[in-house]
Amino acid sequence: MKENSIFSKIKQKQVAGFTLVEMLIVLLIISVLILLFVPNLSKQKEAVKNTGNGAVVKVIHSQAELYKLDHTDEATLSKLVSNGNITQKQADAYNEYYKKNTSETRDIAN
């Protein structure tokens, strides 16, 4: 008889929780929000990269002017890299910037 009273007490207690439908609705809302924000983040990443490459262009122009002060020949990207004024990564960023911004003219040759 004691076992019956334990089972009856367990049956009387109802635990409040989420139903499967409520959980599916929450997951649907979260997935829609993710679908809205992920493409926007990738566009922002590209804009930040382009802005950073624009800053690298200014650095390379400054390094080219310094190179011209010390040498008689014209500054090129390969000369700046071999001379240690800029890194190869900066030269690549310079080239990438002018590939995307074709309306601007390059001042420094490869």
PDB file of N, CA and C in Angstrom:
ATOM      1  N   MET A   1       0.803  -1.197   0.000  1.00  0.00           N
ATOM      2  CA  MET A   1       0.000   0.000   0.000  1.00  0.00           C
ATOM      3  C   MET A   1       0.851   1.269   0.000  1.00  0.00           C
ATOM      4  N   LYS A   2       1.971   1.177   0.617  1.00  0.00           N
ATOM      5  CA  LYS A   2       2.824   2.345   0.674  1.00  0.00           C
ATOM      6  C   LYS A   2       3.319   2.722  -0.722  1.00  0.00           C
ATOM      7  N   GLU A   3       3.584   1.703  -1.576  1.00  0.00           N
ATOM      8  CA  GLU A   3       4.035   1.974  -2.932  1.00  0.00           C
ATOM      9  C   GLU A   3       2.957   2.690  -3.725  1.00  0.00           C
ATOM     10  N   ASN A   4       1.718   2.356  -3.535  1.00  0.00           N
ATOM     11  CA  ASN A   4       0.632   3.025  -4.246  1.00  0.00           C
ATOM     12  C   ASN A   4       0.557   4.497  -3.871  1.00  0.00           C
ATOM     13  N   SER A   5       0.819   4.835  -2.647  1.00  0.00           N
ATOM     14  CA  SER A   5       0.761   6.238  -2.239  1.00  0.00           C
ATOM     15  C   SER A   5       1.916   7.034  -2.849  1.00  0.00           C
ATOM     16  N   ILE A   6       3.068   6.419  -3.012  1.00  0.00           N
ATOM     17  CA  ILE A   6       4.208   7.109  -3.640  1.00  0.00           C
ATOM     18  C   ILE A   6       3.900   7.388  -5.110  1.00  0.00           C
ATOM     19  N   PHE A   7       3.369   6.380  -5.799  1.00  0.00           N
ATOM     20  CA  PHE A   7       3.028   6.565  -7.202  1.00  0.00           C
ATOM     21  C   PHE A   7       1.921   7.591  -7.386  1.00  0.00           C
ATOM     22  N   SER A   8       0.994   7.613  -6.488  1.00  0.00           N
ATOM     23  CA  SER A   8      -0.093   8.589  -6.606  1.00  0.00           C
ATOM     24  C   SER A   8       0.414  10.008  -6.373  1.00  0.00           C
ATOM     25  N   LYS A   9       1.393  10.185  -5.476  1.00  0.00           N
ATOM     26  CA  LYS A   9       1.982  11.515  -5.261  1.00  0.00           C
ATOM     27  C   LYS A   9       2.768  11.969  -6.494  1.00  0.00           C
ATOM     28  N   ILE A  10       3.482  11.034  -7.126  1.00  0.00           N
ATOM     29  CA  ILE A  10       4.243  11.374  -8.330  1.00  0.00           C
ATOM     30  C   ILE A  10       3.299  11.762  -9.459  1.00  0.00           C
ATOM     31  N   LYS A  11       2.207  11.044  -9.597  1.00  0.00           N
ATOM     32  CA  LYS A  11       1.243  11.344 -10.651  1.00  0.00           C
ATOM     33  C   LYS A  11       0.573  12.690 -10.429  1.00  0.00           C
ATOM     34  N   GLN A  12       0.415  13.090  -9.181  1.00  0.00           N
ATOM     35  CA  GLN A  12      -0.256  14.358  -8.889  1.00  0.00           C
ATOM     36  C   GLN A  12       0.623  15.554  -9.212  1.00  0.00           C
ATOM     37  N   LYS A  13       1.945  15.404  -9.079  1.00  0.00           N
ATOM     38  CA  LYS A  13       2.851  16.514  -9.386  1.00  0.00           C
ATOM     39  C   LYS A  13       3.017  16.619 -10.897  1.00  0.00           C
ATOM     40  N   GLN A  14       2.751  17.796 -11.398  1.00  0.00           N
ATOM     41  CA  GLN A  14       2.947  18.036 -12.815  1.00  0.00           C
ATOM     42  C   GLN A  14       4.067  19.057 -12.969  1.00  0.00           C
ATOM     43  N   VAL A  15       5.019  18.730 -13.791  1.00  0.00           N
ATOM     44  CA  VAL A  15       6.155  19.616 -14.015  1.00  0.00           C
ATOM     45  C   VAL A  15       5.831  20.520 -15.198  1.00  0.00           C
ATOM     46  N   ALA A  16       5.961  21.825 -14.965  1.00  0.00           N
ATOM     47  CA  ALA A  16       5.718  22.772 -16.048  1.00  0.00           C
ATOM     48  C   ALA A  16       6.945  22.784 -16.958  1.00  0.00           C
ATOM     49  N   GLY A  17       6.746  22.713 -18.256  1.00  0.00           N
ATOM     50  CA  GLY A  17       7.854  22.706 -19.213  1.00  0.00           C
ATOM     51  C   GLY A  17       7.385  23.176 -20.568  1.00  0.00           C
ATOM     52  N   PHE A  18       8.326  23.200 -21.497  1.00  0.00           N
ATOM     53  CA  PHE A  18       8.000  23.620 -22.849  1.00  0.00           C
ATOM     54  C   PHE A  18       7.507  22.428 -23.657  1.00  0.00           C
ATOM     55  N   THR A  19       6.553  22.700 -24.505  1.00  0.00           N
ATOM     56  CA  THR A  19       6.082  21.642 -25.395  1.00  0.00           C
ATOM     57  C   THR A  19       6.977  21.608 -26.632  1.00  0.00           C
ATOM     58  N   LEU A  20       6.856  20.573 -27.395  1.00  0.00           N
ATOM     59  CA  LEU A  20       7.652  20.431 -28.602  1.00  0.00           C
ATOM     60  C   LEU A  20       7.344  21.545 -29.602  1.00  0.00           C
ATOM     61  N   VAL A  21       6.117  21.946 -29.695  1.00  0.00           N
ATOM     62  CA  VAL A  21       5.720  23.011 -30.623  1.00  0.00           C
ATOM     63  C   VAL A  21       6.370  24.332 -30.215  1.00  0.00           C
ATOM     64  N   GLU A  22       6.380  24.628 -28.927  1.00  0.00           N
ATOM     65  CA  GLU A  22       7.018  25.860 -28.463  1.00  0.00           C
ATOM     66  C   GLU A  22       8.511  25.859 -28.767  1.00  0.00           C
ATOM     67  N   MET A  23       9.153  24.735 -28.580  1.00  0.00           N
ATOM     68  CA  MET A  23      10.585  24.637 -28.877  1.00  0.00           C
ATOM     69  C   MET A  23      10.845  24.804 -30.374  1.00  0.00           C
ATOM     70  N   LEU A  24       9.992  24.237 -31.203  1.00  0.00           N
ATOM     71  CA  LEU A  24      10.152  24.385 -32.651  1.00  0.00           C
ATOM     72  C   LEU A  24       9.970  25.835 -33.092  1.00  0.00           C
ATOM     73  N   ILE A  25       9.036  26.530 -32.481  1.00  0.00           N
ATOM     74  CA  ILE A  25       8.822  27.940 -32.811  1.00  0.00           C
ATOM     75  C   ILE A  25      10.044  28.774 -32.437  1.00  0.00           C
ATOM     76  N   VAL A  26      10.613  28.512 -31.275  1.00  0.00           N
ATOM     77  CA  VAL A  26      11.812  29.240 -30.846  1.00  0.00           C
ATOM     78  C   VAL A  26      12.971  28.961 -31.799  1.00  0.00           C
ATOM     79  N   LEU A  27      13.157  27.700 -32.171  1.00  0.00           N
ATOM     80  CA  LEU A  27      14.224  27.365 -33.109  1.00  0.00           C
ATOM     81  C   LEU A  27      14.002  28.000 -34.478  1.00  0.00           C
ATOM     82  N   LEU A  28      12.762  28.085 -34.909  1.00  0.00           N
ATOM     83  CA  LEU A  28      12.445  28.728 -36.180  1.00  0.00           C
ATOM     84  C   LEU A  28      12.810  30.214 -36.134  1.00  0.00           C
ATOM     85  N   ILE A  29      12.472  30.883 -35.058  1.00  0.00           N
ATOM     86  CA  ILE A  29      12.782  32.308 -34.907  1.00  0.00           C
ATOM     87  C   ILE A  29      14.293  32.524 -34.902  1.00  0.00           C
ATOM     88  N   ILE A  30      15.012  31.686 -34.181  1.00  0.00           N
ATOM     89  CA  ILE A  30      16.473  31.821 -34.122  1.00  0.00           C
ATOM     90  C   ILE A  30      17.088  31.585 -35.494  1.00  0.00           C
ATOM     91  N   SER A  31      16.611  30.600 -36.219  1.00  0.00           N
ATOM     92  CA  SER A  31      17.175  30.318 -37.544  1.00  0.00           C
ATOM     93  C   SER A  31      16.885  31.447 -38.528  1.00  0.00           C
ATOM     94  N   VAL A  32      15.723  32.062 -38.444  1.00  0.00           N
ATOM     95  CA  VAL A  32      15.407  33.202 -39.317  1.00  0.00           C
ATOM     96  C   VAL A  32      16.327  34.379 -38.999  1.00  0.00           C
ATOM     97  N   LEU A  33      16.579  34.630 -37.733  1.00  0.00           N
ATOM     98  CA  LEU A  33      17.494  35.714 -37.352  1.00  0.00           C
ATOM     99  C   LEU A  33      18.909  35.447 -37.858  1.00  0.00           C
ATOM    100  N   ILE A  34      19.353  34.219 -37.767  1.00  0.00           N
ATOM    101  CA  ILE A  34      20.684  33.867 -38.274  1.00  0.00           C
ATOM    102  C   ILE A  34      20.754  34.075 -39.783  1.00  0.00           C
ATOM    103  N   LEU A  35      19.712  33.675 -40.488  1.00  0.00           N
ATOM    104  CA  LEU A  35      19.686  33.854 -41.940  1.00  0.00           C
ATOM    105  C   LEU A  35      19.700  35.322 -42.341  1.00  0.00           C
ATOM    106  N   LEU A  36      19.165  36.184 -41.496  1.00  0.00           N
ATOM    107  CA  LEU A  36      19.168  37.617 -41.794  1.00  0.00           C
ATOM    108  C   LEU A  36      20.522  38.259 -41.518  1.00  0.00           C
ATOM    109  N   PHE A  37      21.216  37.835 -40.476  1.00  0.00           N
ATOM    110  CA  PHE A  37      22.430  38.519 -40.046  1.00  0.00           C
ATOM    111  C   PHE A  37      23.715  37.987 -40.662  1.00  0.00           C
ATOM    112  N   VAL A  38      23.794  36.721 -41.014  1.00  0.00           N
ATOM    113  CA  VAL A  38      25.043  36.160 -41.540  1.00  0.00           C
ATOM    114  C   VAL A  38      25.444  36.803 -42.871  1.00  0.00           C
ATOM    115  N   PRO A  39      24.572  36.965 -43.853  1.00  0.00           N
ATOM    116  CA  PRO A  39      25.004  37.632 -45.095  1.00  0.00           C
ATOM    117  C   PRO A  39      25.450  39.069 -44.861  1.00  0.00           C
ATOM    118  N   ASN A  40      24.812  39.761 -43.940  1.00  0.00           N
ATOM    119  CA  ASN A  40      25.200  41.130 -43.639  1.00  0.00           C
ATOM    120  C   ASN A  40      26.602  41.176 -43.046  1.00  0.00           C
ATOM    121  N   LEU A  41      26.942  40.205 -42.223  1.00  0.00           N
ATOM    122  CA  LEU A  41      28.281  40.172 -41.627  1.00  0.00           C
ATOM    123  C   LEU A  41      29.353  39.945 -42.683  1.00  0.00           C
ATOM    124  N   SER A  42      29.086  39.126 -43.666  1.00  0.00           N
ATOM    125  CA  SER A  42      30.080  38.881 -44.710  1.00  0.00           C
ATOM    126  C   SER A  42      30.295  40.131 -45.562  1.00  0.00           C
ATOM    127  N   LYS A  43      29.235  40.900 -45.792  1.00  0.00           N
ATOM    128  CA  LYS A  43      29.389  42.160 -46.527  1.00  0.00           C
ATOM    129  C   LYS A  43      30.214  43.153 -45.719  1.00  0.00           C
ATOM    130  N   GLN A  44      29.987  43.200 -44.431  1.00  0.00           N
ATOM    131  CA  GLN A  44      30.752  44.100 -43.574  1.00  0.00           C
ATOM    132  C   GLN A  44      32.221  43.706 -43.542  1.00  0.00           C
ATOM    133  N   LYS A  45      32.495  42.423 -43.549  1.00  0.00           N
ATOM    134  CA  LYS A  45      33.870  41.946 -43.537  1.00  0.00           C
ATOM    135  C   LYS A  45      34.592  42.413 -44.789  1.00  0.00           C
ATOM    136  N   GLU A  46      33.921  42.341 -45.926  1.00  0.00           N
ATOM    137  CA  GLU A  46      34.517  42.786 -47.183  1.00  0.00           C
ATOM    138  C   GLU A  46      34.776  44.298 -47.170  1.00  0.00           C
ATOM    139  N   ALA A  47      33.854  45.066 -46.612  1.00  0.00           N
ATOM    140  CA  ALA A  47      34.038  46.521 -46.532  1.00  0.00           C
ATOM    141  C   ALA A  47      35.214  46.872 -45.628  1.00  0.00           C
ATOM    142  N   VAL A  48      35.353  46.169 -44.526  1.00  0.00           N
ATOM    143  CA  VAL A  48      36.471  46.420 -43.607  1.00  0.00           C
ATOM    144  C   VAL A  48      37.797  46.071 -44.279  1.00  0.00           C
ATOM    145  N   LYS A  49      37.812  44.969 -45.021  1.00  0.00           N
ATOM    146  CA  LYS A  49      39.033  44.563 -45.719  1.00  0.00           C
ATOM    147  C   LYS A  49      39.425  45.602 -46.756  1.00  0.00           C
ATOM    148  N   ASN A  50      38.454  46.134 -47.495  1.00  0.00           N
ATOM    149  CA  ASN A  50      38.741  47.149 -48.505  1.00  0.00           C
ATOM    150  C   ASN A  50      39.264  48.432 -47.861  1.00  0.00           C
ATOM    151  N   THR A  51      38.714  48.804 -46.722  1.00  0.00           N
ATOM    152  CA  THR A  51      39.195  49.994 -46.006  1.00  0.00           C
ATOM    153  C   THR A  51      40.626  49.789 -45.521  1.00  0.00           C
ATOM    154  N   GLY A  52      40.911  48.592 -45.026  1.00  0.00           N
ATOM    155  CA  GLY A  52      42.276  48.274 -44.586  1.00  0.00           C
ATOM    156  C   GLY A  52      43.259  48.313 -45.738  1.00  0.00           C
ATOM    157  N   ASN A  53      42.848  47.802 -46.894  1.00  0.00           N
ATOM    158  CA  ASN A  53      43.717  47.863 -48.072  1.00  0.00           C
ATOM    159  C   ASN A  53      43.948  49.302 -48.511  1.00  0.00           C
ATOM    160  N   GLY A  54      42.942  50.161 -48.344  1.00  0.00           N
ATOM    161  CA  GLY A  54      43.120  51.584 -48.653  1.00  0.00           C
ATOM    162  C   GLY A  54      44.160  52.229 -47.749  1.00  0.00           C
ATOM    163  N   ALA A  55      44.195  51.822 -46.493  1.00  0.00           N
ATOM    164  CA  ALA A  55      45.213  52.332 -45.564  1.00  0.00           C
ATOM    165  C   ALA A  55      46.598  51.831 -45.961  1.00  0.00           C
ATOM    166  N   VAL A  56      46.677  50.594 -46.440  1.00  0.00           N
ATOM    167  CA  VAL A  56      47.959  50.040 -46.886  1.00  0.00           C
ATOM    168  C   VAL A  56      48.471  50.823 -48.101  1.00  0.00           C
ATOM    169  N   VAL A  57      47.576  51.246 -48.965  1.00  0.00           N
ATOM    170  CA  VAL A  57      47.959  52.041 -50.131  1.00  0.00           C
ATOM    171  C   VAL A  57      48.644  53.328 -49.689  1.00  0.00           C
ATOM    172  N   LYS A  58      48.106  53.974 -48.672  1.00  0.00           N
ATOM    173  CA  LYS A  58      48.720  55.209 -48.169  1.00  0.00           C
ATOM    174  C   LYS A  58      50.103  54.941 -47.587  1.00  0.00           C
ATOM    175  N   VAL A  59      50.247  53.820 -46.894  1.00  0.00           N
ATOM    176  CA  VAL A  59      51.551  53.457 -46.324  1.00  0.00           C
ATOM    177  C   VAL A  59      52.560  53.218 -47.446  1.00  0.00           C
ATOM    178  N   ILE A  60      52.132  52.521 -48.486  1.00  0.00           N
ATOM    179  CA  ILE A  60      53.040  52.235 -49.599  1.00  0.00           C
ATOM    180  C   ILE A  60      53.438  53.516 -50.322  1.00  0.00           C
ATOM    181  N   HIS A  61      52.522  54.443 -50.468  1.00  0.00           N
ATOM    182  CA  HIS A  61      52.863  55.724 -51.096  1.00  0.00           C
ATOM    183  C   HIS A  61      53.900  56.464 -50.246  1.00  0.00           C
ATOM    184  N   SER A  62      53.736  56.424 -48.946  1.00  0.00           N
ATOM    185  CA  SER A  62      54.717  57.068 -48.059  1.00  0.00           C
ATOM    186  C   SER A  62      56.081  56.399 -48.173  1.00  0.00           C
ATOM    187  N   GLN A  63      56.090  55.070 -48.218  1.00  0.00           N
ATOM    188  CA  GLN A  63      57.354  54.342 -48.346  1.00  0.00           C
ATOM    189  C   GLN A  63      58.007  54.603 -49.710  1.00  0.00           C
ATOM    190  N   ALA A  64      57.206  54.783 -50.743  1.00  0.00           N
ATOM    191  CA  ALA A  64      57.751  55.083 -52.071  1.00  0.00           C
ATOM    192  C   ALA A  64      58.400  56.462 -52.076  1.00  0.00           C
ATOM    193  N   GLU A  65      57.789  57.420 -51.390  1.00  0.00           N
ATOM    194  CA  GLU A  65      58.394  58.756 -51.299  1.00  0.00           C
ATOM    195  C   GLU A  65      59.715  58.706 -50.545  1.00  0.00           C
ATOM    196  N   LEU A  66      59.767  57.924 -49.481  1.00  0.00           N
ATOM    197  CA  LEU A  66      61.019  57.772 -48.742  1.00  0.00           C
ATOM    198  C   LEU A  66      62.084  57.086 -49.592  1.00  0.00           C
ATOM    199  N   TYR A  67      61.663  56.115 -50.383  1.00  0.00           N
ATOM    200  CA  TYR A  67      62.587  55.415 -51.280  1.00  0.00           C
ATOM    201  C   TYR A  67      63.171  56.400 -52.300  1.00  0.00           C
ATOM    202  N   LYS A  68      62.330  57.273 -52.849  1.00  0.00           N
ATOM    203  CA  LYS A  68      62.782  58.245 -53.848  1.00  0.00           C
ATOM    204  C   LYS A  68      63.793  59.224 -53.261  1.00  0.00           C
ATOM    205  N   LEU A  69      63.678  59.520 -51.974  1.00  0.00           N
ATOM    206  CA  LEU A  69      64.637  60.423 -51.337  1.00  0.00           C
ATOM    207  C   LEU A  69      66.025  59.796 -51.232  1.00  0.00           C
ATOM    208  N   ASP A  70      66.071  58.474 -51.064  1.00  0.00           N
ATOM    209  CA  ASP A  70      67.344  57.792 -50.872  1.00  0.00           C
ATOM    210  C   ASP A  70      67.942  57.231 -52.160  1.00  0.00           C
ATOM    211  N   HIS A  71      67.147  57.090 -53.209  1.00  0.00           N
ATOM    212  CA  HIS A  71      67.614  56.468 -54.447  1.00  0.00           C
ATOM    213  C   HIS A  71      67.296  57.358 -55.640  1.00  0.00           C
ATOM    214  N   THR A  72      68.030  57.133 -56.714  1.00  0.00           N
ATOM    215  CA  THR A  72      67.797  57.940 -57.915  1.00  0.00           C
ATOM    216  C   THR A  72      66.757  57.329 -58.846  1.00  0.00           C
ATOM    217  N   ASP A  73      66.547  56.019 -58.745  1.00  0.00           N
ATOM    218  CA  ASP A  73      65.593  55.367 -59.636  1.00  0.00           C
ATOM    219  C   ASP A  73      64.166  55.449 -59.084  1.00  0.00           C
ATOM    220  N   GLU A  74      63.233  55.062 -59.931  1.00  0.00           N
ATOM    221  CA  GLU A  74      61.805  55.115 -59.571  1.00  0.00           C
ATOM    222  C   GLU A  74      61.448  53.935 -58.657  1.00  0.00           C
ATOM    223  N   ALA A  75      60.544  54.161 -57.722  1.00  0.00           N
ATOM    224  CA  ALA A  75      60.121  53.115 -56.778  1.00  0.00           C
ATOM    225  C   ALA A  75      59.068  52.226 -57.421  1.00  0.00           C
ATOM    226  N   THR A  76      59.262  50.913 -57.279  1.00  0.00           N
ATOM    227  CA  THR A  76      58.262  49.938 -57.700  1.00  0.00           C
ATOM    228  C   THR A  76      57.968  49.044 -56.500  1.00  0.00           C
ATOM    229  N   LEU A  77      56.885  48.285 -56.596  1.00  0.00           N
ATOM    230  CA  LEU A  77      56.531  47.389 -55.488  1.00  0.00           C
ATOM    231  C   LEU A  77      57.627  46.368 -55.227  1.00  0.00           C
ATOM    232  N   SER A  78      58.160  45.797 -56.289  1.00  0.00           N
ATOM    233  CA  SER A  78      59.195  44.772 -56.098  1.00  0.00           C
ATOM    234  C   SER A  78      60.451  45.360 -55.460  1.00  0.00           C
ATOM    235  N   LYS A  79      60.807  46.590 -55.819  1.00  0.00           N
ATOM    236  CA  LYS A  79      61.973  47.238 -55.191  1.00  0.00           C
ATOM    237  C   LYS A  79      61.702  47.545 -53.724  1.00  0.00           C
ATOM    238  N   LEU A  80      60.480  47.978 -53.423  1.00  0.00           N
ATOM    239  CA  LEU A  80      60.143  48.282 -52.032  1.00  0.00           C
ATOM    240  C   LEU A  80      60.160  47.023 -51.170  1.00  0.00           C
ATOM    241  N   VAL A  81      59.694  45.906 -51.738  1.00  0.00           N
ATOM    242  CA  VAL A  81      59.685  44.642 -50.995  1.00  0.00           C
ATOM    243  C   VAL A  81      61.117  44.149 -50.782  1.00  0.00           C
ATOM    244  N   SER A  82      61.917  44.164 -51.859  1.00  0.00           N
ATOM    245  CA  SER A  82      63.289  43.653 -51.742  1.00  0.00           C
ATOM    246  C   SER A  82      64.150  44.544 -50.855  1.00  0.00           C
ATOM    247  N   ASN A  83      63.830  45.829 -50.817  1.00  0.00           N
ATOM    248  CA  ASN A  83      64.585  46.768 -49.981  1.00  0.00           C
ATOM    249  C   ASN A  83      64.152  46.709 -48.514  1.00  0.00           C
ATOM    250  N   GLY A  84      63.025  46.073 -48.240  1.00  0.00           N
ATOM    251  CA  GLY A  84      62.552  45.952 -46.862  1.00  0.00           C
ATOM    252  C   GLY A  84      61.648  47.085 -46.408  1.00  0.00           C
ATOM    253  N   ASN A  85      61.242  47.939 -47.334  1.00  0.00           N
ATOM    254  CA  ASN A  85      60.355  49.043 -46.970  1.00  0.00           C
ATOM    255  C   ASN A  85      58.937  48.574 -46.679  1.00  0.00           C
ATOM    256  N   ILE A  86      58.485  47.577 -47.419  1.00  0.00           N
ATOM    257  CA  ILE A  86      57.152  47.003 -47.209  1.00  0.00           C
ATOM    258  C   ILE A  86      57.268  45.482 -47.244  1.00  0.00           C
ATOM    259  N   THR A  87      56.219  44.816 -46.780  1.00  0.00           N
ATOM    260  CA  THR A  87      56.190  43.352 -46.827  1.00  0.00           C
ATOM    261  C   THR A  87      55.469  42.895 -48.090  1.00  0.00           C
ATOM    262  N   GLN A  88      55.621  41.631 -48.403  1.00  0.00           N
ATOM    263  CA  GLN A  88      54.929  41.070 -49.563  1.00  0.00           C
ATOM    264  C   GLN A  88      53.418  41.104 -49.358  1.00  0.00           C
ATOM    265  N   LYS A  89      52.997  40.933 -48.116  1.00  0.00           N
ATOM    266  CA  LYS A  89      51.559  40.987 -47.804  1.00  0.00           C
ATOM    267  C   LYS A  89      50.993  42.377 -48.093  1.00  0.00           C
ATOM    268  N   GLN A  90      51.765  43.415 -47.797  1.00  0.00           N
ATOM    269  CA  GLN A  90      51.324  44.773 -48.108  1.00  0.00           C
ATOM    270  C   GLN A  90      51.267  45.001 -49.616  1.00  0.00           C
ATOM    271  N   ALA A  91      52.229  44.449 -50.341  1.00  0.00           N
ATOM    272  CA  ALA A  91      52.221  44.578 -51.802  1.00  0.00           C
ATOM    273  C   ALA A  91      51.000  43.865 -52.393  1.00  0.00           C
ATOM    274  N   ASP A  92      50.676  42.710 -51.852  1.00  0.00           N
ATOM    275  CA  ASP A  92      49.481  41.987 -52.316  1.00  0.00           C
ATOM    276  C   ASP A  92      48.207  42.775 -52.020  1.00  0.00           C
ATOM    277  N   ALA A  93      48.144  43.398 -50.846  1.00  0.00           N
ATOM    278  CA  ALA A  93      46.981  44.217 -50.489  1.00  0.00           C
ATOM    279  C   ALA A  93      46.861  45.422 -51.421  1.00  0.00           C
ATOM    280  N   TYR A  94      47.998  45.997 -51.807  1.00  0.00           N
ATOM    281  CA  TYR A  94      48.015  47.123 -52.743  1.00  0.00           C
ATOM    282  C   TYR A  94      47.437  46.706 -54.093  1.00  0.00           C
ATOM    283  N   ASN A  95      47.889  45.557 -54.591  1.00  0.00           N
ATOM    284  CA  ASN A  95      47.382  45.055 -55.871  1.00  0.00           C
ATOM    285  C   ASN A  95      45.894  44.723 -55.788  1.00  0.00           C
ATOM    286  N   GLU A  96      45.483  44.127 -54.690  1.00  0.00           N
ATOM    287  CA  GLU A  96      44.072  43.770 -54.515  1.00  0.00           C
ATOM    288  C   GLU A  96      43.187  45.014 -54.467  1.00  0.00           C
ATOM    289  N   TYR A  97      43.679  46.070 -53.824  1.00  0.00           N
ATOM    290  CA  TYR A  97      42.911  47.317 -53.726  1.00  0.00           C
ATOM    291  C   TYR A  97      42.657  47.890 -55.118  1.00  0.00           C
ATOM    292  N   TYR A  98      43.681  47.895 -55.960  1.00  0.00           N
ATOM    293  CA  TYR A  98      43.501  48.481 -57.285  1.00  0.00           C
ATOM    294  C   TYR A  98      42.761  47.554 -58.244  1.00  0.00           C
ATOM    295  N   LYS A  99      42.688  46.277 -57.948  1.00  0.00           N
ATOM    296  CA  LYS A  99      41.835  45.381 -58.744  1.00  0.00           C
ATOM    297  C   LYS A  99      40.367  45.689 -58.487  1.00  0.00           C
ATOM    298  N   LYS A 100      40.035  46.001 -57.237  1.00  0.00           N
ATOM    299  CA  LYS A 100      38.634  46.279 -56.893  1.00  0.00           C
ATOM    300  C   LYS A 100      38.238  47.718 -57.218  1.00  0.00           C
ATOM    301  N   ASN A 101      39.172  48.635 -57.134  1.00  0.00           N
ATOM    302  CA  ASN A 101      38.892  50.045 -57.384  1.00  0.00           C
ATOM    303  C   ASN A 101      39.555  50.447 -58.701  1.00  0.00           C
ATOM    304  N   THR A 102      38.975  50.026 -59.782  1.00  0.00           N
ATOM    305  CA  THR A 102      39.575  50.262 -61.094  1.00  0.00           C
ATOM    306  C   THR A 102      39.470  51.723 -61.527  1.00  0.00           C
ATOM    307  N   SER A 103      38.619  52.496 -60.879  1.00  0.00           N
ATOM    308  CA  SER A 103      38.479  53.902 -61.265  1.00  0.00           C
ATOM    309  C   SER A 103      39.681  54.729 -60.814  1.00  0.00           C
ATOM    310  N   GLU A 104      40.431  54.257 -59.833  1.00  0.00           N
ATOM    311  CA  GLU A 104      41.595  54.988 -59.351  1.00  0.00           C
ATOM    312  C   GLU A 104      42.825  54.541 -60.120  1.00  0.00           C
ATOM    313  N   THR A 105      43.774  55.458 -60.291  1.00  0.00           N
ATOM    314  CA  THR A 105      44.994  55.122 -61.023  1.00  0.00           C
ATOM    315  C   THR A 105      46.111  54.774 -60.066  1.00  0.00           C
ATOM    316  N   ARG A 106      46.903  53.817 -60.468  1.00  0.00           N
ATOM    317  CA  ARG A 106      48.034  53.367 -59.651  1.00  0.00           C
ATOM    318  C   ARG A 106      49.197  54.344 -59.823  1.00  0.00           C
ATOM    319  N   ASP A 107      49.845  54.659 -58.747  1.00  0.00           N
ATOM    320  CA  ASP A 107      51.015  55.522 -58.801  1.00  0.00           C
ATOM    321  C   ASP A 107      52.319  54.726 -58.847  1.00  0.00           C
ATOM    322  N   ILE A 108      52.256  53.509 -58.331  1.00  0.00           N
ATOM    323  CA  ILE A 108      53.469  52.697 -58.213  1.00  0.00           C
ATOM    324  C   ILE A 108      53.274  51.423 -59.025  1.00  0.00           C
ATOM    325  N   ALA A 109      54.227  51.136 -59.871  1.00  0.00           N
ATOM    326  CA  ALA A 109      54.155  49.930 -60.697  1.00  0.00           C
ATOM    327  C   ALA A 109      54.591  48.704 -59.900  1.00  0.00           C
ATOM    328  N   ASN A 110      54.317  47.543 -60.450  1.00  0.00           N
ATOM    329  CA  ASN A 110      54.750  46.309 -59.797  1.00  0.00           C
ATOM    330  C   ASN A 110      56.238  46.192 -59.907  1.00  0.00           C
TER     331      ASN A 110
END
